């Protein structure tokens, strides 16, 4: 048994979390997967996984090995997939990480045709740093992030621009009818309840600094690591919030929310798509990448 086969089995177990799922993805028996992992552990001289009732958890040695070999193994397997012309997606898994709303509203519809053909999708919702860590470790195939990663072994491309809106119910729109840009606008909002994604108000601060030319000094009335929760907070009239345009679009169209201000320069940030170097040689990953990239031209 060659080392590449052992490492491929190791990565399948690492990503699947169980020998059973890894065996199914590799079209092997579970005993065969166990043999491969034991052989690799013998070579490494350390256990790579902790066996648990509902699966396996990688040890520190397992995580280090995954981080070291994932880009190279994926590139080799991808090259074989490309040269063989493989296009079958049945049984393949695609692991994607990034912001919850963006993945569910923008990316997921583009994956639907692949899922109809049998591809399985596993999504991880988190902020940039942990998502990129998982990408580097080989746990993810693609990552959607809000800054260019510029990491060794990771490639990326600009995907689209994301615009942000300050929103509230029509009632809040009437109450804040005199709201304008500049520091005076921030003063008018100083005592208005607001929902934020984090105690540090990262999205709110970005909007305040861009539009009001000052830092937000209020404490959030609601902090929730879910833009959907912030959206609901605004819809029930509890206060105001800052949301990506795509998150607020339906509620704005239905009239449940209004833009409280239309800035001369709407706040915006760039979204990036990232992957491990060499992995686009994998036929299915290249197809998914290309479809997301093409769709992003209209986002």
C-alpha atoms as a PDB file:
ATOM      1  CA  UNK A   1       0.000   0.000   0.000  1.00  0.00           C
ATOM      2  CA  UNK A   2       1.560   3.340  -1.091  1.00  0.00           C
ATOM      3  CA  UNK A   3       1.862   6.318   1.229  1.00  0.00           C
ATOM      4  CA  UNK A   4      -0.439   8.387  -1.003  1.00  0.00           C
ATOM      5  CA  UNK A   5      -3.269   5.900  -0.446  1.00  0.00           C
ATOM      6  CA  UNK A   6      -2.677   5.952   3.300  1.00  0.00           C
ATOM      7  CA  UNK A   7      -2.693   9.752   3.344  1.00  0.00           C
ATOM      8  CA  UNK A   8      -5.816   9.904   1.194  1.00  0.00           C
ATOM      9  CA  UNK A   9      -7.581   7.608   3.645  1.00  0.00           C
ATOM     10  CA  UNK A  10      -6.280   9.678   6.560  1.00  0.00           C
ATOM     11  CA  UNK A  11      -7.688  12.912   5.069  1.00  0.00           C
ATOM     12  CA  UNK A  12     -11.026  11.246   4.343  1.00  0.00           C
ATOM     13  CA  UNK A  13     -11.331  10.165   7.988  1.00  0.00           C
ATOM     14  CA  UNK A  14     -10.112  13.579   9.189  1.00  0.00           C
ATOM     15  CA  UNK A  15     -12.784  15.367   7.188  1.00  0.00           C
ATOM     16  CA  UNK A  16     -15.625  12.892   7.660  1.00  0.00           C
ATOM     17  CA  UNK A  17     -15.162  12.392  11.394  1.00  0.00           C
ATOM     18  CA  UNK A  18     -15.933   8.667  11.251  1.00  0.00           C
ATOM     19  CA  UNK A  19     -14.359   5.603   9.681  1.00  0.00           C
ATOM     20  CA  UNK A  20     -17.769   4.583   8.318  1.00  0.00           C
ATOM     21  CA  UNK A  21     -18.375   7.776   6.342  1.00  0.00           C
ATOM     22  CA  UNK A  22     -14.782   7.841   5.108  1.00  0.00           C
ATOM     23  CA  UNK A  23     -15.076   4.233   3.925  1.00  0.00           C
ATOM     24  CA  UNK A  24     -18.256   5.094   2.040  1.00  0.00           C
ATOM     25  CA  UNK A  25     -16.638   8.102   0.337  1.00  0.00           C
ATOM     26  CA  UNK A  26     -13.565   6.070  -0.638  1.00  0.00           C
ATOM     27  CA  UNK A  27     -15.557   2.979  -1.708  1.00  0.00           C
ATOM     28  CA  UNK A  28     -13.619   0.914   0.826  1.00  0.00           C
ATOM     29  CA  UNK A  29     -14.685  -1.326   3.692  1.00  0.00           C
ATOM     30  CA  UNK A  30     -14.461   0.033   7.214  1.00  0.00           C
ATOM     31  CA  UNK A  31     -11.837  -2.617   8.182  1.00  0.00           C
ATOM     32  CA  UNK A  32      -9.709  -1.482   5.239  1.00  0.00           C
ATOM     33  CA  UNK A  33      -9.880   2.120   6.437  1.00  0.00           C
ATOM     34  CA  UNK A  34      -8.856   0.987   9.931  1.00  0.00           C
ATOM     35  CA  UNK A  35      -5.889  -0.913   8.490  1.00  0.00           C
ATOM     36  CA  UNK A  36      -4.752   2.170   6.546  1.00  0.00           C
ATOM     37  CA  UNK A  37      -4.958   4.411   9.625  1.00  0.00           C
ATOM     38  CA  UNK A  38      -3.080   1.922  11.814  1.00  0.00           C
ATOM     39  CA  UNK A  39      -0.355   1.618   9.167  1.00  0.00           C
ATOM     40  CA  UNK A  40       0.021   5.400   8.966  1.00  0.00           C
ATOM     41  CA  UNK A  41       0.063   5.734  12.761  1.00  0.00           C
ATOM     42  CA  UNK A  42       2.853   3.150  12.839  1.00  0.00           C
ATOM     43  CA  UNK A  43       4.854   5.220  10.345  1.00  0.00           C
ATOM     44  CA  UNK A  44       4.239   8.480  12.205  1.00  0.00           C
ATOM     45  CA  UNK A  45       4.836   6.882  15.591  1.00  0.00           C
ATOM     46  CA  UNK A  46       1.870   8.633  17.194  1.00  0.00           C
ATOM     47  CA  UNK A  47      -1.921   8.163  17.312  1.00  0.00           C
ATOM     48  CA  UNK A  48      -3.644  10.374  14.762  1.00  0.00           C
ATOM     49  CA  UNK A  49      -7.199  10.012  16.086  1.00  0.00           C
ATOM     50  CA  UNK A  50      -8.960   9.500  19.391  1.00  0.00           C
ATOM     51  CA  UNK A  51     -11.635   6.832  18.986  1.00  0.00           C
ATOM     52  CA  UNK A  52     -14.938   7.966  20.513  1.00  0.00           C
ATOM     53  CA  UNK A  53     -18.460   6.454  20.639  1.00  0.00           C
ATOM     54  CA  UNK A  54     -19.760   8.578  17.768  1.00  0.00           C
ATOM     55  CA  UNK A  55     -16.670   8.838  15.616  1.00  0.00           C
ATOM     56  CA  UNK A  56     -13.099  10.042  15.868  1.00  0.00           C
ATOM     57  CA  UNK A  57     -11.390  13.293  16.875  1.00  0.00           C
ATOM     58  CA  UNK A  58      -7.958  14.170  15.503  1.00  0.00           C
ATOM     59  CA  UNK A  59      -5.096  14.384  17.971  1.00  0.00           C
ATOM     60  CA  UNK A  60      -2.600  17.248  17.803  1.00  0.00           C
ATOM     61  CA  UNK A  61      -0.402  15.016  15.683  1.00  0.00           C
ATOM     62  CA  UNK A  62      -3.370  14.369  13.379  1.00  0.00           C
ATOM     63  CA  UNK A  63      -4.052  18.074  12.960  1.00  0.00           C
ATOM     64  CA  UNK A  64      -0.409  18.809  12.240  1.00  0.00           C
ATOM     65  CA  UNK A  65      -0.246  16.032   9.660  1.00  0.00           C
ATOM     66  CA  UNK A  66      -3.443  17.225   7.961  1.00  0.00           C
ATOM     67  CA  UNK A  67      -2.138  20.785   7.741  1.00  0.00           C
ATOM     68  CA  UNK A  68       1.160  19.546   6.264  1.00  0.00           C
ATOM     69  CA  UNK A  69      -0.115  17.071   3.682  1.00  0.00           C
ATOM     70  CA  UNK A  70      -3.622  18.234   2.670  1.00  0.00           C
ATOM     71  CA  UNK A  71      -2.594  20.686  -0.098  1.00  0.00           C
ATOM     72  CA  UNK A  72      -0.187  18.178  -1.657  1.00  0.00           C
ATOM     73  CA  UNK A  73      -2.452  15.135  -1.457  1.00  0.00           C
ATOM     74  CA  UNK A  74      -5.432  17.092  -2.781  1.00  0.00           C
ATOM     75  CA  UNK A  75      -3.333  18.397  -5.671  1.00  0.00           C
ATOM     76  CA  UNK A  76      -2.137  14.900  -6.588  1.00  0.00           C
ATOM     77  CA  UNK A  77      -5.603  13.380  -6.391  1.00  0.00           C
ATOM     78  CA  UNK A  78      -6.992  16.354  -8.288  1.00  0.00           C
ATOM     79  CA  UNK A  79      -4.461  15.864 -11.066  1.00  0.00           C
ATOM     80  CA  UNK A  80      -5.512  12.215 -11.381  1.00  0.00           C
ATOM     81  CA  UNK A  81      -9.176  13.261 -11.472  1.00  0.00           C
ATOM     82  CA  UNK A  82      -8.420  15.787 -14.219  1.00  0.00           C
ATOM     83  CA  UNK A  83      -6.414  13.427 -16.381  1.00  0.00           C
ATOM     84  CA  UNK A  84      -9.069  10.774 -16.096  1.00  0.00           C
ATOM     85  CA  UNK A  85     -11.773  13.272 -17.052  1.00  0.00           C
ATOM     86  CA  UNK A  86     -13.831  12.275 -14.030  1.00  0.00           C
ATOM     87  CA  UNK A  87     -17.074  14.245 -13.776  1.00  0.00           C
ATOM     88  CA  UNK A  88     -19.206  11.973 -11.619  1.00  0.00           C
ATOM     89  CA  UNK A  89     -20.246  13.732  -8.389  1.00  0.00           C
ATOM     90  CA  UNK A  90     -22.220  10.914  -6.769  1.00  0.00           C
ATOM     91  CA  UNK A  91     -20.926  10.353  -3.246  1.00  0.00           C
ATOM     92  CA  UNK A  92     -18.471  13.275  -3.290  1.00  0.00           C
ATOM     93  CA  UNK A  93     -18.569  15.832  -0.501  1.00  0.00           C
ATOM     94  CA  UNK A  94     -17.921  19.563  -0.713  1.00  0.00           C
ATOM     95  CA  UNK A  95     -16.920  21.330   2.511  1.00  0.00           C
ATOM     96  CA  UNK A  96     -17.427  25.101   2.511  1.00  0.00           C
ATOM     97  CA  UNK A  97     -16.991  27.679   5.271  1.00  0.00           C
ATOM     98  CA  UNK A  98     -17.867  31.342   5.679  1.00  0.00           C
ATOM     99  CA  UNK A  99     -20.601  33.764   6.809  1.00  0.00           C
ATOM    100  CA  UNK A 100     -23.926  32.019   7.397  1.00  0.00           C
ATOM    101  CA  UNK A 101     -26.160  34.400   5.455  1.00  0.00           C
ATOM    102  CA  UNK A 102     -23.832  34.668   2.479  1.00  0.00           C
ATOM    103  CA  UNK A 103     -23.421  30.919   2.159  1.00  0.00           C
ATOM    104  CA  UNK A 104     -27.107  30.142   2.596  1.00  0.00           C
ATOM    105  CA  UNK A 105     -28.467  32.934   0.394  1.00  0.00           C
ATOM    106  CA  UNK A 106     -25.789  33.325  -2.267  1.00  0.00           C
ATOM    107  CA  UNK A 107     -23.737  30.125  -2.477  1.00  0.00           C
ATOM    108  CA  UNK A 108     -26.242  27.387  -1.644  1.00  0.00           C
ATOM    109  CA  UNK A 109     -28.509  28.015  -4.689  1.00  0.00           C
ATOM    110  CA  UNK A 110     -25.463  27.563  -6.935  1.00  0.00           C
ATOM    111  CA  UNK A 111     -24.720  24.188  -5.341  1.00  0.00           C
ATOM    112  CA  UNK A 112     -28.239  22.837  -5.853  1.00  0.00           C
ATOM    113  CA  UNK A 113     -27.584  21.295  -9.318  1.00  0.00           C
ATOM    114  CA  UNK A 114     -24.543  19.420  -7.983  1.00  0.00           C
ATOM    115  CA  UNK A 115     -26.551  18.189  -4.996  1.00  0.00           C
ATOM    116  CA  UNK A 116     -29.245  16.914  -7.345  1.00  0.00           C
ATOM    117  CA  UNK A 117     -26.511  14.838  -9.016  1.00  0.00           C
ATOM    118  CA  UNK A 118     -25.504  13.325  -5.680  1.00  0.00           C
ATOM    119  CA  UNK A 119     -22.891  15.697  -4.275  1.00  0.00           C
ATOM    120  CA  UNK A 120     -23.060  16.178  -0.507  1.00  0.00           C
ATOM    121  CA  UNK A 121     -22.457  19.630   0.991  1.00  0.00           C
ATOM    122  CA  UNK A 122     -21.149  20.376   4.463  1.00  0.00           C
ATOM    123  CA  UNK A 123     -21.158  24.020   5.558  1.00  0.00           C
ATOM    124  CA  UNK A 124     -19.340  25.626   8.490  1.00  0.00           C
ATOM    125  CA  UNK A 125     -20.497  29.090   9.583  1.00  0.00           C
ATOM    126  CA  UNK A 126     -17.862  31.268  11.222  1.00  0.00           C
ATOM    127  CA  UNK A 127     -15.727  34.399  10.870  1.00  0.00           C
ATOM    128  CA  UNK A 128     -12.572  34.564   8.753  1.00  0.00           C
ATOM    129  CA  UNK A 129      -9.845  33.335  11.135  1.00  0.00           C
ATOM    130  CA  UNK A 130     -11.324  29.955  12.149  1.00  0.00           C
ATOM    131  CA  UNK A 131     -12.628  29.330   8.636  1.00  0.00           C
ATOM    132  CA  UNK A 132      -9.184  29.905   7.124  1.00  0.00           C
ATOM    133  CA  UNK A 133      -7.607  27.707   9.786  1.00  0.00           C
ATOM    134  CA  UNK A 134      -9.945  24.900   8.772  1.00  0.00           C
ATOM    135  CA  UNK A 135      -9.191  25.515   5.112  1.00  0.00           C
ATOM    136  CA  UNK A 136      -5.437  25.274   5.714  1.00  0.00           C
ATOM    137  CA  UNK A 137      -5.922  22.108   7.760  1.00  0.00           C
ATOM    138  CA  UNK A 138      -7.772  20.456   4.893  1.00  0.00           C
ATOM    139  CA  UNK A 139     -11.145  20.418   6.650  1.00  0.00           C
ATOM    140  CA  UNK A 140     -12.680  22.730   4.035  1.00  0.00           C
ATOM    141  CA  UNK A 141     -12.495  22.792   0.245  1.00  0.00           C
ATOM    142  CA  UNK A 142     -13.608  26.407  -0.180  1.00  0.00           C
ATOM    143  CA  UNK A 143     -13.842  29.414   2.100  1.00  0.00           C
ATOM    144  CA  UNK A 144     -15.745  32.677   1.699  1.00  0.00           C
ATOM    145  CA  UNK A 145     -13.956  35.422   3.631  1.00  0.00           C
ATOM    146  CA  UNK A 146     -14.134  39.199   4.034  1.00  0.00           C
ATOM    147  CA  UNK A 147     -10.426  39.937   3.507  1.00  0.00           C
ATOM    148  CA  UNK A 148      -7.776  38.644   1.112  1.00  0.00           C
ATOM    149  CA  UNK A 149      -6.167  35.777   3.095  1.00  0.00           C
ATOM    150  CA  UNK A 150      -2.608  36.168   1.754  1.00  0.00           C
ATOM    151  CA  UNK A 151      -1.619  32.903   3.434  1.00  0.00           C
ATOM    152  CA  UNK A 152       0.989  30.430   2.304  1.00  0.00           C
ATOM    153  CA  UNK A 153      -0.631  27.501   0.538  1.00  0.00           C
ATOM    154  CA  UNK A 154      -3.923  29.370   0.032  1.00  0.00           C
ATOM    155  CA  UNK A 155      -5.106  30.966  -3.201  1.00  0.00           C
ATOM    156  CA  UNK A 156      -7.958  33.452  -3.454  1.00  0.00           C
ATOM    157  CA  UNK A 157      -9.843  35.706  -5.805  1.00  0.00           C
ATOM    158  CA  UNK A 158     -12.180  38.693  -5.352  1.00  0.00           C
ATOM    159  CA  UNK A 159     -15.732  37.396  -5.572  1.00  0.00           C
ATOM    160  CA  UNK A 160     -18.041  40.382  -5.237  1.00  0.00           C
ATOM    161  CA  UNK A 161     -18.731  43.591  -3.349  1.00  0.00           C
ATOM    162  CA  UNK A 162     -21.021  43.494  -0.324  1.00  0.00           C
ATOM    163  CA  UNK A 163     -22.975  46.674   0.487  1.00  0.00           C
ATOM    164  CA  UNK A 164     -24.351  47.532   3.925  1.00  0.00           C
ATOM    165  CA  UNK A 165     -27.610  49.243   4.913  1.00  0.00           C
ATOM    166  CA  UNK A 166     -28.722  50.928   8.134  1.00  0.00           C
ATOM    167  CA  UNK A 167     -32.298  49.677   8.520  1.00  0.00           C
ATOM    168  CA  UNK A 168     -35.318  49.897  10.777  1.00  0.00           C
ATOM    169  CA  UNK A 169     -39.105  49.745  10.576  1.00  0.00           C
ATOM    170  CA  UNK A 170     -41.020  52.544   8.818  1.00  0.00           C
ATOM    171  CA  UNK A 171     -41.821  53.894  12.302  1.00  0.00           C
ATOM    172  CA  UNK A 172     -38.102  54.248  13.024  1.00  0.00           C
ATOM    173  CA  UNK A 173     -37.763  55.853   9.590  1.00  0.00           C
ATOM    174  CA  UNK A 174     -40.231  58.565  10.636  1.00  0.00           C
ATOM    175  CA  UNK A 175     -38.537  59.074  13.999  1.00  0.00           C
ATOM    176  CA  UNK A 176     -35.148  59.441  12.321  1.00  0.00           C
ATOM    177  CA  UNK A 177     -36.332  61.484   9.348  1.00  0.00           C
ATOM    178  CA  UNK A 178     -33.686  64.160  10.037  1.00  0.00           C
ATOM    179  CA  UNK A 179     -30.805  61.654  10.007  1.00  0.00           C
ATOM    180  CA  UNK A 180     -27.879  62.765   7.856  1.00  0.00           C
ATOM    181  CA  UNK A 181     -24.260  61.924   7.220  1.00  0.00           C
ATOM    182  CA  UNK A 182     -21.350  63.127   9.322  1.00  0.00           C
ATOM    183  CA  UNK A 183     -20.853  63.315  13.111  1.00  0.00           C
ATOM    184  CA  UNK A 184     -24.267  64.956  13.646  1.00  0.00           C
ATOM    185  CA  UNK A 185     -25.901  61.774  12.390  1.00  0.00           C
ATOM    186  CA  UNK A 186     -23.994  59.682  14.919  1.00  0.00           C
ATOM    187  CA  UNK A 187     -25.120  62.016  17.708  1.00  0.00           C
ATOM    188  CA  UNK A 188     -28.755  61.602  16.658  1.00  0.00           C
ATOM    189  CA  UNK A 189     -28.363  57.805  16.945  1.00  0.00           C
ATOM    190  CA  UNK A 190     -26.450  57.808  20.242  1.00  0.00           C
ATOM    191  CA  UNK A 191     -29.429  56.631  22.323  1.00  0.00           C
ATOM    192  CA  UNK A 192     -31.208  54.527  19.684  1.00  0.00           C
ATOM    193  CA  UNK A 193     -31.250  50.770  20.491  1.00  0.00           C
ATOM    194  CA  UNK A 194     -29.233  48.763  18.009  1.00  0.00           C
ATOM    195  CA  UNK A 195     -28.487  45.087  17.274  1.00  0.00           C
ATOM    196  CA  UNK A 196     -24.936  43.999  16.516  1.00  0.00           C
ATOM    197  CA  UNK A 197     -23.050  40.850  15.555  1.00  0.00           C
ATOM    198  CA  UNK A 198     -20.437  41.212  18.303  1.00  0.00           C
ATOM    199  CA  UNK A 199     -19.792  43.296  21.416  1.00  0.00           C
ATOM    200  CA  UNK A 200     -17.117  45.180  19.464  1.00  0.00           C
ATOM    201  CA  UNK A 201     -19.761  46.171  16.871  1.00  0.00           C
ATOM    202  CA  UNK A 202     -17.556  45.385  13.829  1.00  0.00           C
ATOM    203  CA  UNK A 203     -20.237  45.920  11.164  1.00  0.00           C
ATOM    204  CA  UNK A 204     -21.733  48.910  12.986  1.00  0.00           C
ATOM    205  CA  UNK A 205     -18.299  50.481  13.445  1.00  0.00           C
ATOM    206  CA  UNK A 206     -17.552  50.033   9.739  1.00  0.00           C
ATOM    207  CA  UNK A 207     -20.789  51.812   8.840  1.00  0.00           C
ATOM    208  CA  UNK A 208     -20.273  54.599  11.402  1.00  0.00           C
ATOM    209  CA  UNK A 209     -16.710  55.320  10.320  1.00  0.00           C
ATOM    210  CA  UNK A 210     -17.658  55.327   6.626  1.00  0.00           C
ATOM    211  CA  UNK A 211     -20.868  57.346   6.837  1.00  0.00           C
ATOM    212  CA  UNK A 212     -20.669  59.341  10.078  1.00  0.00           C
ATOM    213  CA  UNK A 213     -16.868  59.768  10.116  1.00  0.00           C
ATOM    214  CA  UNK A 214     -16.686  58.738  13.775  1.00  0.00           C
ATOM    215  CA  UNK A 215     -16.705  55.679  15.991  1.00  0.00           C
ATOM    216  CA  UNK A 216     -19.929  54.251  17.393  1.00  0.00           C
ATOM    217  CA  UNK A 217     -19.894  54.753  21.155  1.00  0.00           C
ATOM    218  CA  UNK A 218     -23.159  53.049  22.130  1.00  0.00           C
ATOM    219  CA  UNK A 219     -23.507  49.565  23.617  1.00  0.00           C
ATOM    220  CA  UNK A 220     -25.655  47.223  21.574  1.00  0.00           C
ATOM    221  CA  UNK A 221     -29.130  46.455  22.856  1.00  0.00           C
ATOM    222  CA  UNK A 222     -28.801  42.987  21.291  1.00  0.00           C
ATOM    223  CA  UNK A 223     -25.652  41.051  20.429  1.00  0.00           C
ATOM    224  CA  UNK A 224     -26.186  37.883  18.391  1.00  0.00           C
ATOM    225  CA  UNK A 225     -23.751  36.056  16.140  1.00  0.00           C
ATOM    226  CA  UNK A 226     -26.537  35.718  13.603  1.00  0.00           C
ATOM    227  CA  UNK A 227     -27.476  38.348  11.061  1.00  0.00           C
ATOM    228  CA  UNK A 228     -30.890  36.687  10.783  1.00  0.00           C
ATOM    229  CA  UNK A 229     -31.511  37.429  14.461  1.00  0.00           C
ATOM    230  CA  UNK A 230     -30.468  41.058  13.964  1.00  0.00           C
ATOM    231  CA  UNK A 231     -32.849  41.197  11.001  1.00  0.00           C
ATOM    232  CA  UNK A 232     -35.729  39.895  13.118  1.00  0.00           C
ATOM    233  CA  UNK A 233     -34.835  42.363  15.882  1.00  0.00           C
ATOM    234  CA  UNK A 234     -35.233  45.209  13.405  1.00  0.00           C
ATOM    235  CA  UNK A 235     -38.426  43.781  11.889  1.00  0.00           C
ATOM    236  CA  UNK A 236     -40.220  43.651  15.260  1.00  0.00           C
ATOM    237  CA  UNK A 237     -39.367  47.307  15.817  1.00  0.00           C
ATOM    238  CA  UNK A 238     -37.075  46.758  18.806  1.00  0.00           C
ATOM    239  CA  UNK A 239     -34.435  49.029  17.295  1.00  0.00           C
ATOM    240  CA  UNK A 240     -32.208  49.450  14.274  1.00  0.00           C
ATOM    241  CA  UNK A 241     -29.278  47.489  12.824  1.00  0.00           C
ATOM    242  CA  UNK A 242     -26.717  47.421  10.018  1.00  0.00           C
ATOM    243  CA  UNK A 243     -27.026  44.490   7.614  1.00  0.00           C
ATOM    244  CA  UNK A 244     -25.513  43.333   4.326  1.00  0.00           C
ATOM    245  CA  UNK A 245     -27.752  44.325   1.439  1.00  0.00           C
ATOM    246  CA  UNK A 246     -28.613  40.726   0.533  1.00  0.00           C
ATOM    247  CA  UNK A 247     -29.737  39.972   4.105  1.00  0.00           C
ATOM    248  CA  UNK A 248     -32.159  42.903   4.276  1.00  0.00           C
ATOM    249  CA  UNK A 249     -33.327  42.823   0.630  1.00  0.00           C
ATOM    250  CA  UNK A 250     -36.559  40.817   1.053  1.00  0.00           C
ATOM    251  CA  UNK A 251     -37.711  42.794   4.109  1.00  0.00           C
ATOM    252  CA  UNK A 252     -36.956  46.082   2.325  1.00  0.00           C
ATOM    253  CA  UNK A 253     -38.891  44.952  -0.732  1.00  0.00           C
ATOM    254  CA  UNK A 254     -41.911  43.969   1.403  1.00  0.00           C
ATOM    255  CA  UNK A 255     -41.814  47.279   3.256  1.00  0.00           C
ATOM    256  CA  UNK A 256     -41.149  45.662   6.647  1.00  0.00           C
ATOM    257  CA  UNK A 257     -37.938  47.668   6.845  1.00  0.00           C
ATOM    258  CA  UNK A 258     -36.684  50.887   5.296  1.00  0.00           C
ATOM    259  CA  UNK A 259     -33.235  52.304   4.715  1.00  0.00           C
ATOM    260  CA  UNK A 260     -32.784  54.942   7.379  1.00  0.00           C
ATOM    261  CA  UNK A 261     -30.170  56.717   5.287  1.00  0.00           C
ATOM    262  CA  UNK A 262     -28.967  56.644   1.707  1.00  0.00           C
ATOM    263  CA  UNK A 263     -25.300  57.650   1.977  1.00  0.00           C
ATOM    264  CA  UNK A 264     -23.465  59.381  -0.841  1.00  0.00           C
ATOM    265  CA  UNK A 265     -20.852  56.602  -0.628  1.00  0.00           C
ATOM    266  CA  UNK A 266     -22.631  53.410   0.518  1.00  0.00           C
ATOM    267  CA  UNK A 267     -20.391  51.342   2.821  1.00  0.00           C
ATOM    268  CA  UNK A 268     -19.097  48.283   1.052  1.00  0.00           C
ATOM    269  CA  UNK A 269     -16.512  45.551   1.494  1.00  0.00           C
ATOM    270  CA  UNK A 270     -15.038  42.970  -0.837  1.00  0.00           C
ATOM    271  CA  UNK A 271     -15.794  39.269  -0.464  1.00  0.00           C
ATOM    272  CA  UNK A 272     -13.162  36.697  -1.428  1.00  0.00           C
ATOM    273  CA  UNK A 273     -13.300  33.029  -2.395  1.00  0.00           C
ATOM    274  CA  UNK A 274     -10.338  30.975  -1.147  1.00  0.00           C
ATOM    275  CA  UNK A 275      -9.037  27.438  -1.647  1.00  0.00           C
ATOM    276  CA  UNK A 276      -5.849  25.479  -0.987  1.00  0.00           C
ATOM    277  CA  UNK A 277      -3.187  25.758  -3.666  1.00  0.00           C
ATOM    278  CA  UNK A 278      -3.407  23.009  -6.248  1.00  0.00           C
ATOM    279  CA  UNK A 279      -6.847  21.741  -5.295  1.00  0.00           C
ATOM    280  CA  UNK A 280      -8.625  23.211  -8.332  1.00  0.00           C
ATOM    281  CA  UNK A 281      -7.108  20.301 -10.249  1.00  0.00           C
ATOM    282  CA  UNK A 282      -9.861  18.276  -8.599  1.00  0.00           C
ATOM    283  CA  UNK A 283     -12.540  18.157 -11.296  1.00  0.00           C
ATOM    284  CA  UNK A 284     -15.592  18.650  -9.079  1.00  0.00           C
ATOM    285  CA  UNK A 285     -14.025  21.432  -7.020  1.00  0.00           C
ATOM    286  CA  UNK A 286     -13.081  23.263 -10.227  1.00  0.00           C
ATOM    287  CA  UNK A 287     -16.683  23.014 -11.464  1.00  0.00           C
ATOM    288  CA  UNK A 288     -18.097  24.310  -8.174  1.00  0.00           C
ATOM    289  CA  UNK A 289     -15.535  27.125  -8.106  1.00  0.00           C
ATOM    290  CA  UNK A 290     -16.380  28.142 -11.672  1.00  0.00           C
ATOM    291  CA  UNK A 291     -20.130  28.129 -11.033  1.00  0.00           C
ATOM    292  CA  UNK A 292     -19.838  30.301  -7.901  1.00  0.00           C
ATOM    293  CA  UNK A 293     -17.467  32.675  -9.718  1.00  0.00           C
ATOM    294  CA  UNK A 294     -19.852  33.032 -12.659  1.00  0.00           C
ATOM    295  CA  UNK A 295     -22.874  33.640 -10.415  1.00  0.00           C
ATOM    296  CA  UNK A 296     -20.974  36.262  -8.417  1.00  0.00           C
ATOM    297  CA  UNK A 297     -20.884  38.547 -11.461  1.00  0.00           C
ATOM    298  CA  UNK A 298     -24.574  39.256 -10.785  1.00  0.00           C
ATOM    299  CA  UNK A 299     -24.320  39.610  -6.986  1.00  0.00           C
END
